[in-house]
Amino acid sequence: MKVIIIAASTICGRIGPGLTGSSVDRGFLENMRALTDVSLLGAETLRQGDPEMRGPGGHLLPNRIRGVVSQSGDIPLAGKKIFQEGAGPLIFTGVAAAIGLQHKLGGLAQVVPLPTYISGGLSLAAALAHLAELGVSSVLVEGGGRLNYAFLQQGVVDEILLTLTPQLSGDLQAPSLCGGPGPLGDPFLPLDLVSCETANTGELFLKYRVIKGA
């Protein structure tokens, strides 16, 4: 299974709050959704916004899975369009939170309990194994920073698609592309630059391959 992280960031590595790319970047994201089987995002992203993970032209893609990862099971319902249009999402959560969350969500979503990863958090390999049983061969991870970190820490990411926007944040409190309790490597996780494309918006579209086992 191919796992791809996709994100847009400032040149100082911040992905929010309120950061959005251009219409060119939006089109790129929507096209990547059309080329993959699943989109996954963290619950904090859902709590802070109203993502629907739509494809090209703003359309919901039939038979495409949308998922949310939340260890706590703190999933907001009020006003969230992901529960109102299209097939309900998969919610990956911890075993302890799963029963109560399924009761809360009813038929609006399917809750999938996950075991704990060896160093804490949810086992994302278990989430991918569940998706593989559904016939999934490619996953687009749409963040936020903690979810990106967890996928990278657990060694299941193949590629990173990063849109570098011509903006600076400077806010120490703003979330970064990935953030967690410690370094991802010794001290860095190496990446291999596959391609770099420019746009007249001033954005750079970068594609990296994650070097595993380095």
C-alpha atoms as a PDB file:
ATOM      1  CA  MET A   1       0.000   0.000   0.000  1.00  0.00           C
ATOM      2  CA  LYS A   2       1.251   3.468  -0.885  1.00  0.00           C
ATOM      3  CA  VAL A   3       0.961   6.154   1.807  1.00  0.00           C
ATOM      4  CA  ILE A   4       1.373   9.809   0.836  1.00  0.00           C
ATOM      5  CA  ILE A   5       1.423  12.844   3.110  1.00  0.00           C
ATOM      6  CA  ILE A   6       0.151  15.986   1.382  1.00  0.00           C
ATOM      7  CA  ALA A   7       0.405  19.458   2.883  1.00  0.00           C
ATOM      8  CA  ALA A   8       0.964  23.136   2.209  1.00  0.00           C
ATOM      9  CA  SER A   9       3.238  25.155   4.466  1.00  0.00           C
ATOM     10  CA  THR A  10       4.875  28.527   4.833  1.00  0.00           C
ATOM     11  CA  ILE A  11       8.573  28.654   4.093  1.00  0.00           C
ATOM     12  CA  CYS A  12       9.142  28.501   7.857  1.00  0.00           C
ATOM     13  CA  GLY A  13       7.311  25.186   7.969  1.00  0.00           C
ATOM     14  CA  ARG A  14       3.976  26.233   9.487  1.00  0.00           C
ATOM     15  CA  ILE A  15       0.742  24.706   8.248  1.00  0.00           C
ATOM     16  CA  GLY A  16      -1.713  26.919  10.139  1.00  0.00           C
ATOM     17  CA  PRO A  17      -3.791  28.358  11.496  1.00  0.00           C
ATOM     18  CA  GLY A  18      -5.671  29.632   8.472  1.00  0.00           C
ATOM     19  CA  LEU A  19      -3.040  28.759   5.879  1.00  0.00           C
ATOM     20  CA  THR A  20      -4.419  27.942   2.448  1.00  0.00           C
ATOM     21  CA  GLY A  21      -2.685  27.534  -0.864  1.00  0.00           C
ATOM     22  CA  SER A  22      -3.728  29.082  -4.159  1.00  0.00           C
ATOM     23  CA  SER A  23      -6.379  27.764  -6.521  1.00  0.00           C
ATOM     24  CA  VAL A  24      -3.522  25.924  -8.256  1.00  0.00           C
ATOM     25  CA  ASP A  25      -2.676  24.154  -5.013  1.00  0.00           C
ATOM     26  CA  ARG A  26      -6.342  23.430  -4.370  1.00  0.00           C
ATOM     27  CA  GLY A  27      -6.641  21.821  -7.803  1.00  0.00           C
ATOM     28  CA  PHE A  28      -3.517  19.754  -7.133  1.00  0.00           C
ATOM     29  CA  LEU A  29      -4.968  18.503  -3.846  1.00  0.00           C
ATOM     30  CA  GLU A  30      -8.302  17.635  -5.430  1.00  0.00           C
ATOM     31  CA  ASN A  31      -6.576  15.767  -8.263  1.00  0.00           C
ATOM     32  CA  MET A  32      -4.514  13.775  -5.759  1.00  0.00           C
ATOM     33  CA  ARG A  33      -7.713  12.775  -4.034  1.00  0.00           C
ATOM     34  CA  ALA A  34      -8.996  11.475  -7.356  1.00  0.00           C
ATOM     35  CA  LEU A  35      -5.809   9.418  -7.765  1.00  0.00           C
ATOM     36  CA  THR A  36      -5.947   7.789  -4.329  1.00  0.00           C
ATOM     37  CA  ASP A  37      -8.456   5.581  -2.539  1.00  0.00           C
ATOM     38  CA  VAL A  38      -8.626   7.208   0.900  1.00  0.00           C
ATOM     39  CA  SER A  39      -8.088  10.534   2.649  1.00  0.00           C
ATOM     40  CA  LEU A  40      -7.180  10.544   6.343  1.00  0.00           C
ATOM     41  CA  LEU A  41      -6.983  13.523   8.657  1.00  0.00           C
ATOM     42  CA  GLY A  42      -6.576  14.098  12.366  1.00  0.00           C
ATOM     43  CA  ALA A  43      -9.476  14.948  14.636  1.00  0.00           C
ATOM     44  CA  GLU A  44      -7.941  18.320  15.505  1.00  0.00           C
ATOM     45  CA  THR A  45      -8.211  19.320  11.844  1.00  0.00           C
ATOM     46  CA  LEU A  46     -11.891  18.380  11.951  1.00  0.00           C
ATOM     47  CA  ARG A  47     -12.432  20.249  15.213  1.00  0.00           C
ATOM     48  CA  GLN A  48     -10.877  23.433  13.842  1.00  0.00           C
ATOM     49  CA  GLY A  49     -12.555  23.421  10.431  1.00  0.00           C
ATOM     50  CA  ASP A  50     -15.110  21.725   8.230  1.00  0.00           C
ATOM     51  CA  PRO A  51     -13.109  19.561   5.795  1.00  0.00           C
ATOM     52  CA  GLU A  52     -15.055  17.428   3.350  1.00  0.00           C
ATOM     53  CA  MET A  53     -12.141  16.030   1.298  1.00  0.00           C
ATOM     54  CA  ARG A  54     -13.794  16.660  -2.063  1.00  0.00           C
ATOM     55  CA  GLY A  55     -12.293  15.814  -5.429  1.00  0.00           C
ATOM     56  CA  PRO A  56     -11.927  17.786  -8.696  1.00  0.00           C
ATOM     57  CA  GLY A  57     -14.558  20.438  -9.251  1.00  0.00           C
ATOM     58  CA  GLY A  58     -15.564  20.252  -5.614  1.00  0.00           C
ATOM     59  CA  HIS A  59     -17.398  16.953  -6.120  1.00  0.00           C
ATOM     60  CA  LEU A  60     -17.533  14.094  -3.658  1.00  0.00           C
ATOM     61  CA  LEU A  61     -15.920  11.084  -5.257  1.00  0.00           C
ATOM     62  CA  PRO A  62     -18.077   7.944  -5.277  1.00  0.00           C
ATOM     63  CA  ASN A  63     -16.673   4.889  -3.486  1.00  0.00           C
ATOM     64  CA  ARG A  64     -13.792   6.922  -2.052  1.00  0.00           C
ATOM     65  CA  ILE A  65     -13.202   6.543   1.683  1.00  0.00           C
ATOM     66  CA  ARG A  66     -12.829   9.502   4.011  1.00  0.00           C
ATOM     67  CA  GLY A  67     -11.382   8.837   7.448  1.00  0.00           C
ATOM     68  CA  VAL A  68     -10.550  10.582  10.709  1.00  0.00           C
ATOM     69  CA  VAL A  69      -7.972   9.443  13.261  1.00  0.00           C
ATOM     70  CA  SER A  70      -8.658  10.300  16.914  1.00  0.00           C
ATOM     71  CA  GLN A  71      -7.119   8.519  19.863  1.00  0.00           C
ATOM     72  CA  SER A  72      -9.427  10.293  22.332  1.00  0.00           C
ATOM     73  CA  GLY A  73     -12.626   9.824  20.327  1.00  0.00           C
ATOM     74  CA  ASP A  74     -13.384  13.539  20.649  1.00  0.00           C
ATOM     75  CA  ILE A  75     -15.234  13.905  17.350  1.00  0.00           C
ATOM     76  CA  PRO A  76     -17.498  16.948  16.788  1.00  0.00           C
ATOM     77  CA  LEU A  77     -20.786  16.412  15.018  1.00  0.00           C
ATOM     78  CA  ALA A  78     -22.587  19.747  15.004  1.00  0.00           C
ATOM     79  CA  GLY A  79     -22.461  21.398  11.594  1.00  0.00           C
ATOM     80  CA  LYS A  80     -19.770  19.109  10.179  1.00  0.00           C
ATOM     81  CA  LYS A  81     -20.568  18.383   6.531  1.00  0.00           C
ATOM     82  CA  ILE A  82     -18.515  15.196   6.464  1.00  0.00           C
ATOM     83  CA  PHE A  83     -21.401  13.566   8.388  1.00  0.00           C
ATOM     84  CA  GLN A  84     -24.103  15.150   6.243  1.00  0.00           C
ATOM     85  CA  GLU A  85     -23.099  14.482   2.632  1.00  0.00           C
ATOM     86  CA  GLY A  86     -21.834  11.336   0.945  1.00  0.00           C
ATOM     87  CA  ALA A  87     -20.951   8.084   2.623  1.00  0.00           C
ATOM     88  CA  GLY A  88     -20.153   8.418   6.306  1.00  0.00           C
ATOM     89  CA  PRO A  89     -16.466   8.431   7.236  1.00  0.00           C
ATOM     90  CA  LEU A  90     -14.423   5.813   9.007  1.00  0.00           C
ATOM     91  CA  ILE A  91     -13.342   6.928  12.467  1.00  0.00           C
ATOM     92  CA  PHE A  92     -10.175   5.243  13.746  1.00  0.00           C
ATOM     93  CA  THR A  93      -9.897   5.499  17.517  1.00  0.00           C
ATOM     94  CA  GLY A  94      -8.623   3.729  20.600  1.00  0.00           C
ATOM     95  CA  VAL A  95     -10.272   0.586  21.921  1.00  0.00           C
ATOM     96  CA  ALA A  96     -11.441   2.324  25.103  1.00  0.00           C
ATOM     97  CA  ALA A  97     -13.191   5.106  23.192  1.00  0.00           C
ATOM     98  CA  ALA A  98     -14.705   3.009  20.404  1.00  0.00           C
ATOM     99  CA  ILE A  99     -17.954   1.790  21.977  1.00  0.00           C
ATOM    100  CA  GLY A 100     -19.003   5.173  23.329  1.00  0.00           C
ATOM    101  CA  LEU A 101     -18.080   6.890  20.091  1.00  0.00           C
ATOM    102  CA  GLN A 102     -20.089   4.467  17.958  1.00  0.00           C
ATOM    103  CA  HIS A 103     -23.084   5.091  20.194  1.00  0.00           C
ATOM    104  CA  LYS A 104     -22.620   8.844  19.796  1.00  0.00           C
ATOM    105  CA  LEU A 105     -22.248   8.698  16.025  1.00  0.00           C
ATOM    106  CA  GLY A 106     -24.909   6.074  15.359  1.00  0.00           C
ATOM    107  CA  GLY A 107     -25.159   5.431  11.646  1.00  0.00           C
ATOM    108  CA  LEU A 108     -23.293   8.606  10.679  1.00  0.00           C
ATOM    109  CA  ALA A 109     -19.897   6.872  10.650  1.00  0.00           C
ATOM    110  CA  GLN A 110     -18.216   3.531  11.178  1.00  0.00           C
ATOM    111  CA  VAL A 111     -15.896   3.344  14.163  1.00  0.00           C
ATOM    112  CA  VAL A 112     -12.790   1.178  13.863  1.00  0.00           C
ATOM    113  CA  PRO A 113     -10.890   0.465  17.114  1.00  0.00           C
ATOM    114  CA  LEU A 114      -7.117   0.346  16.862  1.00  0.00           C
ATOM    115  CA  PRO A 115      -4.520  -1.160  19.197  1.00  0.00           C
ATOM    116  CA  THR A 116      -1.828   0.971  20.765  1.00  0.00           C
ATOM    117  CA  TYR A 117       1.479   1.474  18.983  1.00  0.00           C
ATOM    118  CA  ILE A 118       4.544   0.223  20.835  1.00  0.00           C
ATOM    119  CA  SER A 119       5.660   3.740  21.852  1.00  0.00           C
ATOM    120  CA  GLY A 120       2.163   5.114  22.416  1.00  0.00           C
ATOM    121  CA  GLY A 121      -0.604   6.476  20.252  1.00  0.00           C
ATOM    122  CA  LEU A 122      -2.651   4.440  17.811  1.00  0.00           C
ATOM    123  CA  SER A 123      -1.189   1.755  15.577  1.00  0.00           C
ATOM    124  CA  LEU A 124      -1.442   3.237  12.111  1.00  0.00           C
ATOM    125  CA  ALA A 125      -0.217  -0.014  10.584  1.00  0.00           C
ATOM    126  CA  ALA A 126      -3.397  -1.568  11.976  1.00  0.00           C
ATOM    127  CA  ALA A 127      -5.453   1.186  10.347  1.00  0.00           C
ATOM    128  CA  LEU A 128      -3.729   0.515   7.026  1.00  0.00           C
ATOM    129  CA  ALA A 129      -4.321  -3.213   7.408  1.00  0.00           C
ATOM    130  CA  HIS A 130      -8.038  -2.548   7.895  1.00  0.00           C
ATOM    131  CA  LEU A 131      -8.085  -0.367   4.785  1.00  0.00           C
ATOM    132  CA  ALA A 132      -6.242  -3.045   2.813  1.00  0.00           C
ATOM    133  CA  GLU A 133      -9.026  -5.490   3.690  1.00  0.00           C
ATOM    134  CA  LEU A 134     -11.426  -3.011   2.057  1.00  0.00           C
ATOM    135  CA  GLY A 135      -9.395  -3.122  -1.168  1.00  0.00           C
ATOM    136  CA  VAL A 136      -7.479   0.117  -0.614  1.00  0.00           C
ATOM    137  CA  SER A 137      -4.091   0.444  -2.320  1.00  0.00           C
ATOM    138  CA  SER A 138      -3.282   4.140  -1.785  1.00  0.00           C
ATOM    139  CA  VAL A 139      -3.818   6.545   1.118  1.00  0.00           C
ATOM    140  CA  LEU A 140      -3.575  10.337   1.194  1.00  0.00           C
ATOM    141  CA  VAL A 141      -2.762  11.699   4.661  1.00  0.00           C
ATOM    142  CA  GLU A 142      -4.012  15.264   4.934  1.00  0.00           C
ATOM    143  CA  GLY A 143      -2.727  16.132   8.426  1.00  0.00           C
ATOM    144  CA  GLY A 144      -2.459  17.929  10.782  1.00  0.00           C
ATOM    145  CA  GLY A 145       0.992  18.029  12.161  1.00  0.00           C
ATOM    146  CA  ARG A 146       0.558  15.449  14.904  1.00  0.00           C
ATOM    147  CA  LEU A 147      -0.973  12.922  12.547  1.00  0.00           C
ATOM    148  CA  ASN A 148       1.801  13.508  10.009  1.00  0.00           C
ATOM    149  CA  TYR A 149       4.349  12.975  12.777  1.00  0.00           C
ATOM    150  CA  ALA A 150       2.718   9.727  13.886  1.00  0.00           C
ATOM    151  CA  PHE A 151       2.684   8.306  10.355  1.00  0.00           C
ATOM    152  CA  LEU A 152       6.339   9.231   9.872  1.00  0.00           C
ATOM    153  CA  GLN A 153       7.394   7.987  13.301  1.00  0.00           C
ATOM    154  CA  GLN A 154       5.770   4.622  12.651  1.00  0.00           C
ATOM    155  CA  GLY A 155       7.613   4.292   9.334  1.00  0.00           C
ATOM    156  CA  VAL A 156       4.623   3.807   7.047  1.00  0.00           C
ATOM    157  CA  VAL A 157       4.972   6.862   4.769  1.00  0.00           C
ATOM    158  CA  ASP A 158       6.282   6.455   1.224  1.00  0.00           C
ATOM    159  CA  GLU A 159       6.045  10.007  -0.157  1.00  0.00           C
ATOM    160  CA  ILE A 160       5.527  13.591   0.945  1.00  0.00           C
ATOM    161  CA  LEU A 161       3.897  16.117  -1.379  1.00  0.00           C
ATOM    162  CA  LEU A 162       4.643  19.581  -0.034  1.00  0.00           C
ATOM    163  CA  THR A 163       3.424  22.855  -1.469  1.00  0.00           C
ATOM    164  CA  LEU A 164       5.742  25.584  -0.234  1.00  0.00           C
ATOM    165  CA  THR A 165       3.757  28.819  -0.207  1.00  0.00           C
ATOM    166  CA  PRO A 166       5.435  32.246  -0.532  1.00  0.00           C
ATOM    167  CA  GLN A 167       4.495  33.223   3.009  1.00  0.00           C
ATOM    168  CA  LEU A 168       6.061  33.494   6.442  1.00  0.00           C
ATOM    169  CA  SER A 169       4.395  32.893   9.794  1.00  0.00           C
ATOM    170  CA  GLY A 170       6.886  33.403  12.596  1.00  0.00           C
ATOM    171  CA  ASP A 171       4.295  32.254  15.143  1.00  0.00           C
ATOM    172  CA  LEU A 172       5.898  29.833  17.587  1.00  0.00           C
ATOM    173  CA  GLN A 173       2.458  28.543  18.538  1.00  0.00           C
ATOM    174  CA  ALA A 174       1.401  27.720  14.977  1.00  0.00           C
ATOM    175  CA  PRO A 175       1.424  24.007  14.077  1.00  0.00           C
ATOM    176  CA  SER A 176       4.269  22.726  11.941  1.00  0.00           C
ATOM    177  CA  LEU A 177       4.249  20.217   9.093  1.00  0.00           C
ATOM    178  CA  CYS A 178       4.921  17.504  11.646  1.00  0.00           C
ATOM    179  CA  GLY A 179       5.383  17.803  15.362  1.00  0.00           C
ATOM    180  CA  GLY A 180       5.844  15.303  18.164  1.00  0.00           C
ATOM    181  CA  PRO A 181       7.783  14.506  21.323  1.00  0.00           C
ATOM    182  CA  GLY A 182      11.139  13.783  19.715  1.00  0.00           C
ATOM    183  CA  PRO A 183      13.207  13.696  16.530  1.00  0.00           C
ATOM    184  CA  LEU A 184      12.101  11.414  13.722  1.00  0.00           C
ATOM    185  CA  GLY A 185      15.645  10.283  12.960  1.00  0.00           C
ATOM    186  CA  ASP A 186      19.143  10.547  14.350  1.00  0.00           C
ATOM    187  CA  PRO A 187      18.428  13.427  14.502  1.00  0.00           C
ATOM    188  CA  PHE A 188      16.735  13.806  11.093  1.00  0.00           C
ATOM    189  CA  LEU A 189      14.645  11.596   8.837  1.00  0.00           C
ATOM    190  CA  PRO A 190      16.258  11.724   5.379  1.00  0.00           C
ATOM    191  CA  LEU A 191      14.215  12.397   2.255  1.00  0.00           C
ATOM    192  CA  ASP A 192      14.991  12.020  -1.428  1.00  0.00           C
ATOM    193  CA  LEU A 193      13.802  14.860  -3.676  1.00  0.00           C
ATOM    194  CA  VAL A 194      11.890  13.341  -6.584  1.00  0.00           C
ATOM    195  CA  SER A 195      10.646  16.501  -8.289  1.00  0.00           C
ATOM    196  CA  CYS A 196      10.324  20.262  -7.842  1.00  0.00           C
ATOM    197  CA  GLU A 197       7.902  22.333  -9.902  1.00  0.00           C
ATOM    198  CA  THR A 198       7.207  26.057  -9.788  1.00  0.00           C
ATOM    199  CA  ALA A 199       3.916  27.872 -10.351  1.00  0.00           C
ATOM    200  CA  ASN A 200       3.196  31.476 -11.306  1.00  0.00           C
ATOM    201  CA  THR A 201       1.601  31.816  -7.879  1.00  0.00           C
ATOM    202  CA  GLY A 202       5.078  31.739  -6.346  1.00  0.00           C
ATOM    203  CA  GLU A 203       4.474  28.287  -4.913  1.00  0.00           C
ATOM    204  CA  LEU A 204       6.873  25.362  -5.117  1.00  0.00           C
ATOM    205  CA  PHE A 205       5.441  21.881  -5.545  1.00  0.00           C
ATOM    206  CA  LEU A 206       7.868  19.435  -3.970  1.00  0.00           C
ATOM    207  CA  LYS A 207       7.726  15.655  -4.057  1.00  0.00           C
ATOM    208  CA  TYR A 208       9.906  13.657  -1.679  1.00  0.00           C
ATOM    209  CA  ARG A 209      10.443   9.959  -1.214  1.00  0.00           C
ATOM    210  CA  VAL A 210      10.917   8.897   2.406  1.00  0.00           C
ATOM    211  CA  ILE A 211      14.151   6.952   2.864  1.00  0.00           C
ATOM    212  CA  LYS A 212      13.143   4.113   5.138  1.00  0.00           C
ATOM    213  CA  GLY A 213      15.547   2.273   7.379  1.00  0.00           C
ATOM    214  CA  ALA A 214      18.226   4.958   7.051  1.00  0.00           C
END
